[in-house]
Amino acid sequence: MEQRKMTVLTDVALITCIVQRGLADTIIKAAREAGAQGATVYFARGTGIRERLGILGVAVEVEKEIINIVVSSDQADRIFERMYFAGKLDTPGMGFMYITPLEKAGTYIPPEIVDRLSSAGGTR
């Protein structure tokens, strides 16, 4: 029987973007064009900020889409910036995003890519 082996990525970050419902596809497209490999999207309902922004006359929808993308640390800033502008997050009430450094992540990676990354110091 073949012995199983775990591949651990240690130089990765999680980009999380919370936006109004219906904007995720545009943001994911921009992230993929900037080098992201994929994304996870789920739906949520927000509270709190709607009342404060309502005073300014900005209607904020309570239904949200949350986008999670795991990227290499060297890609994080570039992808983050592309997502930010694609989602028009420089406009009040459009959303919020942040980057979380990940200590380690594990997934299947084809052996030839693991070998290439190992020689560059990207996995252990």
PDB file of N, CA and C in Angstrom:
ATOM      1  N   MET A   1       0.830  -1.180   0.000  1.00  0.00           N
ATOM      2  CA  MET A   1       0.000   0.000   0.000  1.00  0.00           C
ATOM      3  C   MET A   1       0.880   1.251   0.000  1.00  0.00           C
ATOM      4  N   GLU A   2       0.499   2.209  -0.793  1.00  0.00           N
ATOM      5  CA  GLU A   2       1.261   3.455  -0.905  1.00  0.00           C
ATOM      6  C   GLU A   2       1.075   4.309   0.342  1.00  0.00           C
ATOM      7  N   GLN A   3       2.182   4.844   0.840  1.00  0.00           N
ATOM      8  CA  GLN A   3       2.107   5.703   2.022  1.00  0.00           C
ATOM      9  C   GLN A   3       1.621   7.085   1.611  1.00  0.00           C
ATOM     10  N   ARG A   4       0.669   7.610   2.348  1.00  0.00           N
ATOM     11  CA  ARG A   4       0.130   8.939   2.058  1.00  0.00           C
ATOM     12  C   ARG A   4       1.036   9.997   2.652  1.00  0.00           C
ATOM     13  N   LYS A   5       1.093  11.137   1.996  1.00  0.00           N
ATOM     14  CA  LYS A   5       1.979  12.209   2.403  1.00  0.00           C
ATOM     15  C   LYS A   5       1.202  13.525   2.368  1.00  0.00           C
ATOM     16  N   MET A   6       1.450  14.369   3.343  1.00  0.00           N
ATOM     17  CA  MET A   6       0.746  15.650   3.399  1.00  0.00           C
ATOM     18  C   MET A   6       1.639  16.751   2.831  1.00  0.00           C
ATOM     19  N   THR A   7       1.042  17.584   1.982  1.00  0.00           N
ATOM     20  CA  THR A   7       1.730  18.767   1.469  1.00  0.00           C
ATOM     21  C   THR A   7       1.222  19.963   2.256  1.00  0.00           C
ATOM     22  N   VAL A   8       2.144  20.696   2.866  1.00  0.00           N
ATOM     23  CA  VAL A   8       1.779  21.850   3.681  1.00  0.00           C
ATOM     24  C   VAL A   8       2.360  23.101   3.048  1.00  0.00           C
ATOM     25  N   LEU A   9       1.504  24.061   2.785  1.00  0.00           N
ATOM     26  CA  LEU A   9       1.931  25.363   2.270  1.00  0.00           C
ATOM     27  C   LEU A   9       2.104  26.291   3.460  1.00  0.00           C
ATOM     28  N   THR A  10       3.215  27.009   3.495  1.00  0.00           N
ATOM     29  CA  THR A  10       3.497  27.858   4.654  1.00  0.00           C
ATOM     30  C   THR A  10       3.597  29.335   4.317  1.00  0.00           C
ATOM     31  N   ASP A  11       3.551  29.691   3.069  1.00  0.00           N
ATOM     32  CA  ASP A  11       3.698  31.084   2.666  1.00  0.00           C
ATOM     33  C   ASP A  11       2.435  31.530   1.936  1.00  0.00           C
ATOM     34  N   VAL A  12       1.286  31.423   2.637  1.00  0.00           N
ATOM     35  CA  VAL A  12       0.001  31.748   2.017  1.00  0.00           C
ATOM     36  C   VAL A  12      -0.808  32.700   2.898  1.00  0.00           C
ATOM     37  N   ALA A  13      -1.782  33.351   2.273  1.00  0.00           N
ATOM     38  CA  ALA A  13      -2.652  34.290   2.978  1.00  0.00           C
ATOM     39  C   ALA A  13      -4.089  34.088   2.500  1.00  0.00           C
ATOM     40  N   LEU A  14      -5.027  34.455   3.347  1.00  0.00           N
ATOM     41  CA  LEU A  14      -6.447  34.385   3.029  1.00  0.00           C
ATOM     42  C   LEU A  14      -6.973  35.798   2.832  1.00  0.00           C
ATOM     43  N   ILE A  15      -7.507  36.060   1.645  1.00  0.00           N
ATOM     44  CA  ILE A  15      -8.160  37.338   1.381  1.00  0.00           C
ATOM     45  C   ILE A  15      -9.652  37.117   1.580  1.00  0.00           C
ATOM     46  N   THR A  16     -10.263  37.918   2.426  1.00  0.00           N
ATOM     47  CA  THR A  16     -11.705  37.860   2.671  1.00  0.00           C
ATOM     48  C   THR A  16     -12.305  39.184   2.243  1.00  0.00           C
ATOM     49  N   CYS A  17     -13.366  39.100   1.450  1.00  0.00           N
ATOM     50  CA  CYS A  17     -14.027  40.297   0.926  1.00  0.00           C
ATOM     51  C   CYS A  17     -15.529  40.157   1.172  1.00  0.00           C
ATOM     52  N   ILE A  18     -16.119  41.144   1.835  1.00  0.00           N
ATOM     53  CA  ILE A  18     -17.544  41.127   2.155  1.00  0.00           C
ATOM     54  C   ILE A  18     -18.198  42.255   1.365  1.00  0.00           C
ATOM     55  N   VAL A  19     -19.106  41.886   0.467  1.00  0.00           N
ATOM     56  CA  VAL A  19     -19.734  42.874  -0.420  1.00  0.00           C
ATOM     57  C   VAL A  19     -21.232  42.652  -0.514  1.00  0.00           C
ATOM     58  N   GLN A  20     -21.907  43.622  -1.106  1.00  0.00           N
ATOM     59  CA  GLN A  20     -23.340  43.492  -1.316  1.00  0.00           C
ATOM     60  C   GLN A  20     -23.609  42.355  -2.295  1.00  0.00           C
ATOM     61  N   ARG A  21     -24.730  41.706  -2.100  1.00  0.00           N
ATOM     62  CA  ARG A  21     -25.089  40.557  -2.923  1.00  0.00           C
ATOM     63  C   ARG A  21     -25.133  40.946  -4.400  1.00  0.00           C
ATOM     64  N   GLY A  22     -24.542  40.076  -5.229  1.00  0.00           N
ATOM     65  CA  GLY A  22     -24.527  40.298  -6.666  1.00  0.00           C
ATOM     66  C   GLY A  22     -23.199  40.812  -7.204  1.00  0.00           C
ATOM     67  N   LEU A  23     -22.259  41.162  -6.324  1.00  0.00           N
ATOM     68  CA  LEU A  23     -20.980  41.719  -6.773  1.00  0.00           C
ATOM     69  C   LEU A  23     -19.844  40.692  -6.818  1.00  0.00           C
ATOM     70  N   ALA A  24     -20.041  39.526  -6.254  1.00  0.00           N
ATOM     71  CA  ALA A  24     -18.948  38.555  -6.130  1.00  0.00           C
ATOM     72  C   ALA A  24     -18.368  38.141  -7.470  1.00  0.00           C
ATOM     73  N   ASP A  25     -19.188  37.896  -8.473  1.00  0.00           N
ATOM     74  CA  ASP A  25     -18.670  37.420  -9.762  1.00  0.00           C
ATOM     75  C   ASP A  25     -17.678  38.397 -10.373  1.00  0.00           C
ATOM     76  N   THR A  26     -17.971  39.687 -10.312  1.00  0.00           N
ATOM     77  CA  THR A  26     -17.077  40.709 -10.854  1.00  0.00           C
ATOM     78  C   THR A  26     -15.747  40.726 -10.102  1.00  0.00           C
ATOM     79  N   ILE A  27     -15.810  40.614  -8.797  1.00  0.00           N
ATOM     80  CA  ILE A  27     -14.605  40.649  -7.958  1.00  0.00           C
ATOM     81  C   ILE A  27     -13.759  39.399  -8.180  1.00  0.00           C
ATOM     82  N   ILE A  28     -14.398  38.246  -8.288  1.00  0.00           N
ATOM     83  CA  ILE A  28     -13.669  36.998  -8.521  1.00  0.00           C
ATOM     84  C   ILE A  28     -12.997  37.023  -9.887  1.00  0.00           C
ATOM     85  N   LYS A  29     -13.666  37.557 -10.885  1.00  0.00           N
ATOM     86  CA  LYS A  29     -13.069  37.665 -12.220  1.00  0.00           C
ATOM     87  C   LYS A  29     -11.796  38.493 -12.153  1.00  0.00           C
ATOM     88  N   ALA A  30     -11.830  39.617 -11.455  1.00  0.00           N
ATOM     89  CA  ALA A  30     -10.644  40.469 -11.313  1.00  0.00           C
ATOM     90  C   ALA A  30      -9.533  39.737 -10.567  1.00  0.00           C
ATOM     91  N   ALA A  31      -9.888  38.979  -9.530  1.00  0.00           N
ATOM     92  CA  ALA A  31      -8.897  38.234  -8.761  1.00  0.00           C
ATOM     93  C   ALA A  31      -8.234  37.165  -9.626  1.00  0.00           C
ATOM     94  N   ARG A  32      -9.021  36.467 -10.422  1.00  0.00           N
ATOM     95  CA  ARG A  32      -8.467  35.425 -11.294  1.00  0.00           C
ATOM     96  C   ARG A  32      -7.554  36.034 -12.346  1.00  0.00           C
ATOM     97  N   GLU A  33      -7.928  37.182 -12.888  1.00  0.00           N
ATOM     98  CA  GLU A  33      -7.078  37.865 -13.871  1.00  0.00           C
ATOM     99  C   GLU A  33      -5.754  38.300 -13.240  1.00  0.00           C
ATOM    100  N   ALA A  34      -5.754  38.551 -11.923  1.00  0.00           N
ATOM    101  CA  ALA A  34      -4.545  38.961 -11.210  1.00  0.00           C
ATOM    102  C   ALA A  34      -3.709  37.772 -10.727  1.00  0.00           C
ATOM    103  N   GLY A  35      -4.213  36.535 -10.925  1.00  0.00           N
ATOM    104  CA  GLY A  35      -3.427  35.364 -10.580  1.00  0.00           C
ATOM    105  C   GLY A  35      -4.033  34.416  -9.567  1.00  0.00           C
ATOM    106  N   ALA A  36      -5.189  34.730  -9.001  1.00  0.00           N
ATOM    107  CA  ALA A  36      -5.837  33.820  -8.047  1.00  0.00           C
ATOM    108  C   ALA A  36      -6.304  32.563  -8.787  1.00  0.00           C
ATOM    109  N   GLN A  37      -6.244  31.430  -8.105  1.00  0.00           N
ATOM    110  CA  GLN A  37      -6.622  30.165  -8.730  1.00  0.00           C
ATOM    111  C   GLN A  37      -8.100  29.834  -8.581  1.00  0.00           C
ATOM    112  N   GLY A  38      -8.757  30.376  -7.582  1.00  0.00           N
ATOM    113  CA  GLY A  38     -10.160  30.067  -7.356  1.00  0.00           C
ATOM    114  C   GLY A  38     -10.666  30.817  -6.147  1.00  0.00           C
ATOM    115  N   ALA A  39     -11.936  30.640  -5.839  1.00  0.00           N
ATOM    116  CA  ALA A  39     -12.539  31.368  -4.723  1.00  0.00           C
ATOM    117  C   ALA A  39     -13.684  30.546  -4.151  1.00  0.00           C
ATOM    118  N   THR A  40     -14.006  30.839  -2.904  1.00  0.00           N
ATOM    119  CA  THR A  40     -15.188  30.286  -2.264  1.00  0.00           C
ATOM    120  C   THR A  40     -16.097  31.451  -1.929  1.00  0.00           C
ATOM    121  N   VAL A  41     -17.378  31.334  -2.293  1.00  0.00           N
ATOM    122  CA  VAL A  41     -18.349  32.400  -2.028  1.00  0.00           C
ATOM    123  C   VAL A  41     -19.479  31.815  -1.203  1.00  0.00           C
ATOM    124  N   TYR A  42     -19.890  32.547  -0.183  1.00  0.00           N
ATOM    125  CA  TYR A  42     -21.068  32.156   0.564  1.00  0.00           C
ATOM    126  C   TYR A  42     -21.857  33.397   0.929  1.00  0.00           C
ATOM    127  N   PHE A  43     -23.098  33.189   1.310  1.00  0.00           N
ATOM    128  CA  PHE A  43     -24.015  34.285   1.573  1.00  0.00           C
ATOM    129  C   PHE A  43     -24.159  34.512   3.067  1.00  0.00           C
ATOM    130  N   ALA A  44     -24.396  35.770   3.422  1.00  0.00           N
ATOM    131  CA  ALA A  44     -24.565  36.146   4.823  1.00  0.00           C
ATOM    132  C   ALA A  44     -25.520  37.326   4.900  1.00  0.00           C
ATOM    133  N   ARG A  45     -25.875  37.677   6.114  1.00  0.00           N
ATOM    134  CA  ARG A  45     -26.731  38.829   6.349  1.00  0.00           C
ATOM    135  C   ARG A  45     -26.017  39.721   7.342  1.00  0.00           C
ATOM    136  N   GLY A  46     -25.871  40.989   6.997  1.00  0.00           N
ATOM    137  CA  GLY A  46     -25.161  41.919   7.856  1.00  0.00           C
ATOM    138  C   GLY A  46     -26.107  42.760   8.697  1.00  0.00           C
ATOM    139  N   THR A  47     -25.595  43.248   9.813  1.00  0.00           N
ATOM    140  CA  THR A  47     -26.356  44.150  10.672  1.00  0.00           C
ATOM    141  C   THR A  47     -25.433  45.236  11.187  1.00  0.00           C
ATOM    142  N   GLY A  48     -26.014  46.337  11.654  1.00  0.00           N
ATOM    143  CA  GLY A  48     -25.241  47.375  12.328  1.00  0.00           C
ATOM    144  C   GLY A  48     -24.869  48.549  11.454  1.00  0.00           C
ATOM    145  N   ILE A  49     -24.110  48.311  10.401  1.00  0.00           N
ATOM    146  CA  ILE A  49     -23.601  49.403   9.578  1.00  0.00           C
ATOM    147  C   ILE A  49     -24.721  50.082   8.790  1.00  0.00           C
ATOM    148  N   ARG A  50     -25.774  49.355   8.495  1.00  0.00           N
ATOM    149  CA  ARG A  50     -26.871  49.904   7.696  1.00  0.00           C
ATOM    150  C   ARG A  50     -27.459  51.155   8.347  1.00  0.00           C
ATOM    151  N   GLU A  51     -27.659  51.121   9.658  1.00  0.00           N
ATOM    152  CA  GLU A  51     -28.255  52.256  10.344  1.00  0.00           C
ATOM    153  C   GLU A  51     -27.351  53.486  10.283  1.00  0.00           C
ATOM    154  N   ARG A  52     -26.063  53.291  10.472  1.00  0.00           N
ATOM    155  CA  ARG A  52     -25.147  54.431  10.457  1.00  0.00           C
ATOM    156  C   ARG A  52     -25.035  55.045   9.077  1.00  0.00           C
ATOM    157  N   LEU A  53     -24.953  54.223   8.039  1.00  0.00           N
ATOM    158  CA  LEU A  53     -24.842  54.772   6.693  1.00  0.00           C
ATOM    159  C   LEU A  53     -26.161  55.340   6.205  1.00  0.00           C
ATOM    160  N   GLY A  54     -27.274  54.894   6.780  1.00  0.00           N
ATOM    161  CA  GLY A  54     -28.573  55.436   6.392  1.00  0.00           C
ATOM    162  C   GLY A  54     -28.681  56.923   6.656  1.00  0.00           C
ATOM    163  N   ILE A  55     -28.011  57.398   7.673  1.00  0.00           N
ATOM    164  CA  ILE A  55     -28.002  58.820   7.986  1.00  0.00           C
ATOM    165  C   ILE A  55     -27.401  59.618   6.839  1.00  0.00           C
ATOM    166  N   LEU A  56     -26.418  59.043   6.162  1.00  0.00           N
ATOM    167  CA  LEU A  56     -25.766  59.707   5.038  1.00  0.00           C
ATOM    168  C   LEU A  56     -26.571  59.585   3.746  1.00  0.00           C
ATOM    169  N   GLY A  57     -27.668  58.877   3.803  1.00  0.00           N
ATOM    170  CA  GLY A  57     -28.497  58.700   2.624  1.00  0.00           C
ATOM    171  C   GLY A  57     -28.039  57.558   1.728  1.00  0.00           C
ATOM    172  N   VAL A  58     -27.139  56.700   2.217  1.00  0.00           N
ATOM    173  CA  VAL A  58     -26.663  55.569   1.439  1.00  0.00           C
ATOM    174  C   VAL A  58     -27.437  54.338   1.884  1.00  0.00           C
ATOM    175  N   ALA A  59     -28.172  53.727   0.955  1.00  0.00           N
ATOM    176  CA  ALA A  59     -28.925  52.519   1.279  1.00  0.00           C
ATOM    177  C   ALA A  59     -27.988  51.317   1.167  1.00  0.00           C
ATOM    178  N   VAL A  60     -27.782  50.588   2.244  1.00  0.00           N
ATOM    179  CA  VAL A  60     -26.903  49.430   2.256  1.00  0.00           C
ATOM    180  C   VAL A  60     -27.759  48.181   2.419  1.00  0.00           C
ATOM    181  N   GLU A  61     -27.606  47.260   1.473  1.00  0.00           N
ATOM    182  CA  GLU A  61     -28.361  46.013   1.537  1.00  0.00           C
ATOM    183  C   GLU A  61     -27.832  45.139   2.663  1.00  0.00           C
ATOM    184  N   VAL A  62     -28.739  44.432   3.332  1.00  0.00           N
ATOM    185  CA  VAL A  62     -28.304  43.554   4.422  1.00  0.00           C
ATOM    186  C   VAL A  62     -27.791  42.211   3.909  1.00  0.00           C
ATOM    187  N   GLU A  63     -28.176  41.802   2.703  1.00  0.00           N
ATOM    188  CA  GLU A  63     -27.698  40.530   2.153  1.00  0.00           C
ATOM    189  C   GLU A  63     -26.304  40.734   1.582  1.00  0.00           C
ATOM    190  N   LYS A  64     -25.378  39.861   1.985  1.00  0.00           N
ATOM    191  CA  LYS A  64     -23.971  39.993   1.615  1.00  0.00           C
ATOM    192  C   LYS A  64     -23.465  38.734   0.933  1.00  0.00           C
ATOM    193  N   GLU A  65     -22.400  38.900   0.169  1.00  0.00           N
ATOM    194  CA  GLU A  65     -21.634  37.785  -0.360  1.00  0.00           C
ATOM    195  C   GLU A  65     -20.251  37.890   0.274  1.00  0.00           C
ATOM    196  N   ILE A  66     -19.746  36.768   0.750  1.00  0.00           N
ATOM    197  CA  ILE A  66     -18.417  36.732   1.342  1.00  0.00           C
ATOM    198  C   ILE A  66     -17.544  35.883   0.445  1.00  0.00           C
ATOM    199  N   ILE A  67     -16.431  36.464   0.023  1.00  0.00           N
ATOM    200  CA  ILE A  67     -15.495  35.809  -0.891  1.00  0.00           C
ATOM    201  C   ILE A  67     -14.237  35.481  -0.105  1.00  0.00           C
ATOM    202  N   ASN A  68     -13.812  34.237  -0.160  1.00  0.00           N
ATOM    203  CA  ASN A  68     -12.548  33.802   0.446  1.00  0.00           C
ATOM    204  C   ASN A  68     -11.644  33.277  -0.653  1.00  0.00           C
ATOM    205  N   ILE A  69     -10.408  33.794  -0.685  1.00  0.00           N
ATOM    206  CA  ILE A  69      -9.431  33.349  -1.665  1.00  0.00           C
ATOM    207  C   ILE A  69      -8.105  33.128  -0.941  1.00  0.00           C
ATOM    208  N   VAL A  70      -7.539  31.931  -1.098  1.00  0.00           N
ATOM    209  CA  VAL A  70      -6.221  31.644  -0.547  1.00  0.00           C
ATOM    210  C   VAL A  70      -5.207  31.879  -1.664  1.00  0.00           C
ATOM    211  N   VAL A  71      -4.202  32.709  -1.363  1.00  0.00           N
ATOM    212  CA  VAL A  71      -3.185  33.073  -2.354  1.00  0.00           C
ATOM    213  C   VAL A  71      -1.803  32.975  -1.721  1.00  0.00           C
ATOM    214  N   SER A  72      -0.789  32.914  -2.552  1.00  0.00           N
ATOM    215  CA  SER A  72       0.572  32.958  -2.019  1.00  0.00           C
ATOM    216  C   SER A  72       0.823  34.365  -1.485  1.00  0.00           C
ATOM    217  N   SER A  73       1.652  34.469  -0.483  1.00  0.00           N
ATOM    218  CA  SER A  73       1.911  35.760   0.148  1.00  0.00           C
ATOM    219  C   SER A  73       2.456  36.791  -0.834  1.00  0.00           C
ATOM    220  N   ASP A  74       3.246  36.351  -1.815  1.00  0.00           N
ATOM    221  CA  ASP A  74       3.793  37.311  -2.769  1.00  0.00           C
ATOM    222  C   ASP A  74       2.742  37.824  -3.760  1.00  0.00           C
ATOM    223  N   GLN A  75       1.615  37.149  -3.905  1.00  0.00           N
ATOM    224  CA  GLN A  75       0.529  37.602  -4.779  1.00  0.00           C
ATOM    225  C   GLN A  75      -0.517  38.413  -4.031  1.00  0.00           C
ATOM    226  N   ALA A  76      -0.524  38.347  -2.723  1.00  0.00           N
ATOM    227  CA  ALA A  76      -1.629  38.878  -1.923  1.00  0.00           C
ATOM    228  C   ALA A  76      -1.912  40.357  -2.182  1.00  0.00           C
ATOM    229  N   ASP A  77      -0.906  41.209  -2.171  1.00  0.00           N
ATOM    230  CA  ASP A  77      -1.141  42.642  -2.352  1.00  0.00           C
ATOM    231  C   ASP A  77      -1.719  42.962  -3.729  1.00  0.00           C
ATOM    232  N   ARG A  78      -1.181  42.330  -4.771  1.00  0.00           N
ATOM    233  CA  ARG A  78      -1.663  42.580  -6.136  1.00  0.00           C
ATOM    234  C   ARG A  78      -3.123  42.144  -6.293  1.00  0.00           C
ATOM    235  N   ILE A  79      -3.452  40.955  -5.814  1.00  0.00           N
ATOM    236  CA  ILE A  79      -4.818  40.452  -5.942  1.00  0.00           C
ATOM    237  C   ILE A  79      -5.774  41.276  -5.080  1.00  0.00           C
ATOM    238  N   PHE A  80      -5.344  41.624  -3.873  1.00  0.00           N
ATOM    239  CA  PHE A  80      -6.151  42.443  -2.972  1.00  0.00           C
ATOM    240  C   PHE A  80      -6.534  43.759  -3.639  1.00  0.00           C
ATOM    241  N   GLU A  81      -5.554  44.428  -4.241  1.00  0.00           N
ATOM    242  CA  GLU A  81      -5.819  45.713  -4.899  1.00  0.00           C
ATOM    243  C   GLU A  81      -6.794  45.576  -6.058  1.00  0.00           C
ATOM    244  N   ARG A  82      -6.631  44.535  -6.877  1.00  0.00           N
ATOM    245  CA  ARG A  82      -7.541  44.322  -8.013  1.00  0.00           C
ATOM    246  C   ARG A  82      -8.966  44.056  -7.534  1.00  0.00           C
ATOM    247  N   MET A  83      -9.096  43.263  -6.472  1.00  0.00           N
ATOM    248  CA  MET A  83     -10.419  42.980  -5.914  1.00  0.00           C
ATOM    249  C   MET A  83     -11.059  44.247  -5.356  1.00  0.00           C
ATOM    250  N   TYR A  84     -10.269  45.041  -4.656  1.00  0.00           N
ATOM    251  CA  TYR A  84     -10.757  46.281  -4.032  1.00  0.00           C
ATOM    252  C   TYR A  84     -11.375  47.205  -5.077  1.00  0.00           C
ATOM    253  N   PHE A  85     -10.654  47.439  -6.162  1.00  0.00           N
ATOM    254  CA  PHE A  85     -11.158  48.358  -7.182  1.00  0.00           C
ATOM    255  C   PHE A  85     -12.275  47.740  -8.017  1.00  0.00           C
ATOM    256  N   ALA A  86     -12.236  46.429  -8.263  1.00  0.00           N
ATOM    257  CA  ALA A  86     -13.313  45.760  -9.004  1.00  0.00           C
ATOM    258  C   ALA A  86     -14.629  45.843  -8.238  1.00  0.00           C
ATOM    259  N   GLY A  87     -14.550  45.762  -6.900  1.00  0.00           N
ATOM    260  CA  GLY A  87     -15.740  45.833  -6.067  1.00  0.00           C
ATOM    261  C   GLY A  87     -16.153  47.248  -5.696  1.00  0.00           C
ATOM    262  N   LYS A  88     -15.386  48.227  -6.183  1.00  0.00           N
ATOM    263  CA  LYS A  88     -15.657  49.648  -5.891  1.00  0.00           C
ATOM    264  C   LYS A  88     -15.732  49.898  -4.389  1.00  0.00           C
ATOM    265  N   LEU A  89     -14.796  49.282  -3.671  1.00  0.00           N
ATOM    266  CA  LEU A  89     -14.795  49.418  -2.219  1.00  0.00           C
ATOM    267  C   LEU A  89     -14.318  50.787  -1.744  1.00  0.00           C
ATOM    268  N   ASP A  90     -13.912  51.630  -2.683  1.00  0.00           N
ATOM    269  CA  ASP A  90     -13.568  53.006  -2.340  1.00  0.00           C
ATOM    270  C   ASP A  90     -14.815  53.895  -2.312  1.00  0.00           C
ATOM    271  N   THR A  91     -15.995  53.277  -2.404  1.00  0.00           N
ATOM    272  CA  THR A  91     -17.292  53.956  -2.333  1.00  0.00           C
ATOM    273  C   THR A  91     -17.955  53.583  -1.009  1.00  0.00           C
ATOM    274  N   PRO A  92     -18.499  54.559  -0.264  1.00  0.00           N
ATOM    275  CA  PRO A  92     -19.142  54.247   1.021  1.00  0.00           C
ATOM    276  C   PRO A  92     -20.239  53.185   0.883  1.00  0.00           C
ATOM    277  N   GLY A  93     -20.230  52.231   1.791  1.00  0.00           N
ATOM    278  CA  GLY A  93     -21.272  51.215   1.847  1.00  0.00           C
ATOM    279  C   GLY A  93     -21.108  50.043   0.904  1.00  0.00           C
ATOM    280  N   MET A  94     -20.023  49.998   0.129  1.00  0.00           N
ATOM    281  CA  MET A  94     -19.872  48.930  -0.858  1.00  0.00           C
ATOM    282  C   MET A  94     -19.297  47.642  -0.268  1.00  0.00           C
ATOM    283  N   GLY A  95     -18.550  47.737   0.812  1.00  0.00           N
ATOM    284  CA  GLY A  95     -18.022  46.514   1.379  1.00  0.00           C
ATOM    285  C   GLY A  95     -16.771  46.721   2.188  1.00  0.00           C
ATOM    286  N   PHE A  96     -16.165  45.585   2.553  1.00  0.00           N
ATOM    287  CA  PHE A  96     -15.007  45.565   3.445  1.00  0.00           C
ATOM    288  C   PHE A  96     -14.172  44.356   3.082  1.00  0.00           C
ATOM    289  N   MET A  97     -12.855  44.476   3.146  1.00  0.00           N
ATOM    290  CA  MET A  97     -12.003  43.323   2.880  1.00  0.00           C
ATOM    291  C   MET A  97     -10.743  43.380   3.719  1.00  0.00           C
ATOM    292  N   TYR A  98     -10.146  42.197   3.925  1.00  0.00           N
ATOM    293  CA  TYR A  98      -8.939  42.115   4.735  1.00  0.00           C
ATOM    294  C   TYR A  98      -8.132  40.883   4.345  1.00  0.00           C
ATOM    295  N   ILE A  99      -6.866  40.886   4.750  1.00  0.00           N
ATOM    296  CA  ILE A  99      -5.967  39.757   4.509  1.00  0.00           C
ATOM    297  C   ILE A  99      -5.570  39.154   5.853  1.00  0.00           C
ATOM    298  N   THR A 100      -5.630  37.830   5.941  1.00  0.00           N
ATOM    299  CA  THR A 100      -5.211  37.107   7.131  1.00  0.00           C
ATOM    300  C   THR A 100      -4.038  36.197   6.749  1.00  0.00           C
ATOM    301  N   PRO A 101      -2.865  36.382   7.373  1.00  0.00           N
ATOM    302  CA  PRO A 101      -1.775  35.445   7.097  1.00  0.00           C
ATOM    303  C   PRO A 101      -2.134  34.065   7.654  1.00  0.00           C
ATOM    304  N   LEU A 102      -1.847  33.031   6.906  1.00  0.00           N
ATOM    305  CA  LEU A 102      -2.133  31.663   7.346  1.00  0.00           C
ATOM    306  C   LEU A 102      -0.837  30.987   7.765  1.00  0.00           C
ATOM    307  N   GLU A 103      -0.863  30.345   8.912  1.00  0.00           N
ATOM    308  CA  GLU A 103       0.328  29.647   9.396  1.00  0.00           C
ATOM    309  C   GLU A 103       0.682  28.485   8.479  1.00  0.00           C
ATOM    310  N   LYS A 104      -0.349  27.713   8.094  1.00  0.00           N
ATOM    311  CA  LYS A 104      -0.139  26.646   7.133  1.00  0.00           C
ATOM    312  C   LYS A 104      -1.469  26.245   6.521  1.00  0.00           C
ATOM    313  N   ALA A 105      -1.382  25.692   5.330  1.00  0.00           N
ATOM    314  CA  ALA A 105      -2.564  25.227   4.609  1.00  0.00           C
ATOM    315  C   ALA A 105      -2.199  23.919   3.925  1.00  0.00           C
ATOM    316  N   GLY A 106      -3.171  23.045   3.757  1.00  0.00           N
ATOM    317  CA  GLY A 106      -2.916  21.767   3.110  1.00  0.00           C
ATOM    318  C   GLY A 106      -3.944  21.477   2.037  1.00  0.00           C
ATOM    319  N   THR A 107      -3.495  20.960   0.914  1.00  0.00           N
ATOM    320  CA  THR A 107      -4.371  20.560  -0.175  1.00  0.00           C
ATOM    321  C   THR A 107      -3.587  19.633  -1.092  1.00  0.00           C
ATOM    322  N   TYR A 108      -4.259  19.013  -2.033  1.00  0.00           N
ATOM    323  CA  TYR A 108      -3.542  18.185  -3.001  1.00  0.00           C
ATOM    324  C   TYR A 108      -2.862  19.090  -4.021  1.00  0.00           C
ATOM    325  N   ILE A 109      -1.607  18.807  -4.254  1.00  0.00           N
ATOM    326  CA  ILE A 109      -0.852  19.496  -5.295  1.00  0.00           C
ATOM    327  C   ILE A 109      -0.120  18.417  -6.083  1.00  0.00           C
ATOM    328  N   PRO A 110      -0.197  18.448  -7.415  1.00  0.00           N
ATOM    329  CA  PRO A 110       0.491  17.423  -8.207  1.00  0.00           C
ATOM    330  C   PRO A 110       1.990  17.365  -7.862  1.00  0.00           C
ATOM    331  N   PRO A 111       2.572  16.160  -7.840  1.00  0.00           N
ATOM    332  CA  PRO A 111       3.973  15.987  -7.419  1.00  0.00           C
ATOM    333  C   PRO A 111       4.977  16.872  -8.162  1.00  0.00           C
ATOM    334  N   GLU A 112       4.775  17.072  -9.458  1.00  0.00           N
ATOM    335  CA  GLU A 112       5.733  17.892 -10.212  1.00  0.00           C
ATOM    336  C   GLU A 112       5.717  19.349  -9.756  1.00  0.00           C
ATOM    337  N   ILE A 113       4.576  19.834  -9.317  1.00  0.00           N
ATOM    338  CA  ILE A 113       4.495  21.206  -8.807  1.00  0.00           C
ATOM    339  C   ILE A 113       5.099  21.273  -7.407  1.00  0.00           C
ATOM    340  N   VAL A 114       4.863  20.255  -6.585  1.00  0.00           N
ATOM    341  CA  VAL A 114       5.461  20.208  -5.245  1.00  0.00           C
ATOM    342  C   VAL A 114       6.981  20.252  -5.356  1.00  0.00           C
ATOM    343  N   ASP A 115       7.528  19.481  -6.287  1.00  0.00           N
ATOM    344  CA  ASP A 115       8.988  19.471  -6.468  1.00  0.00           C
ATOM    345  C   ASP A 115       9.501  20.847  -6.857  1.00  0.00           C
ATOM    346  N   ARG A 116       8.785  21.501  -7.757  1.00  0.00           N
ATOM    347  CA  ARG A 116       9.193  22.840  -8.196  1.00  0.00           C
ATOM    348  C   ARG A 116       9.104  23.846  -7.050  1.00  0.00           C
ATOM    349  N   LEU A 117       8.014  23.785  -6.267  1.00  0.00           N
ATOM    350  CA  LEU A 117       7.846  24.695  -5.131  1.00  0.00           C
ATOM    351  C   LEU A 117       8.848  24.418  -4.018  1.00  0.00           C
ATOM    352  N   SER A 118       9.133  23.127  -3.769  1.00  0.00           N
ATOM    353  CA  SER A 118      10.080  22.758  -2.717  1.00  0.00           C
ATOM    354  C   SER A 118      11.469  23.327  -3.004  1.00  0.00           C
ATOM    355  N   SER A 119      11.869  23.302  -4.259  1.00  0.00           N
ATOM    356  CA  SER A 119      13.190  23.830  -4.602  1.00  0.00           C
ATOM    357  C   SER A 119      13.230  25.358  -4.469  1.00  0.00           C
ATOM    358  N   ALA A 120      12.049  26.008  -4.514  1.00  0.00           N
ATOM    359  CA  ALA A 120      11.973  27.462  -4.349  1.00  0.00           C
ATOM    360  C   ALA A 120      11.707  27.848  -2.900  1.00  0.00           C
ATOM    361  N   GLY A 121      11.491  26.868  -2.010  1.00  0.00           N
ATOM    362  CA  GLY A 121      11.266  27.145  -0.584  1.00  0.00           C
ATOM    363  C   GLY A 121       9.839  27.459  -0.233  1.00  0.00           C
ATOM    364  N   GLY A 122       8.844  27.086  -1.062  1.00  0.00           N
ATOM    365  CA  GLY A 122       7.446  27.431  -0.812  1.00  0.00           C
ATOM    366  C   GLY A 122       6.646  26.409  -0.033  1.00  0.00           C
ATOM    367  N   THR A 123       7.164  25.198   0.157  1.00  0.00           N
ATOM    368  CA  THR A 123       6.431  24.175   0.925  1.00  0.00           C
ATOM    369  C   THR A 123       7.385  23.487   1.865  1.00  0.00           C
ATOM    370  N   ARG A 124       6.806  22.676   2.732  1.00  0.00           N
ATOM    371  CA  ARG A 124       7.674  21.812   3.546  1.00  0.00           C
ATOM    372  C   ARG A 124       7.053  20.462   3.669  1.00  0.00           C
TER     373      ARG A 124
END
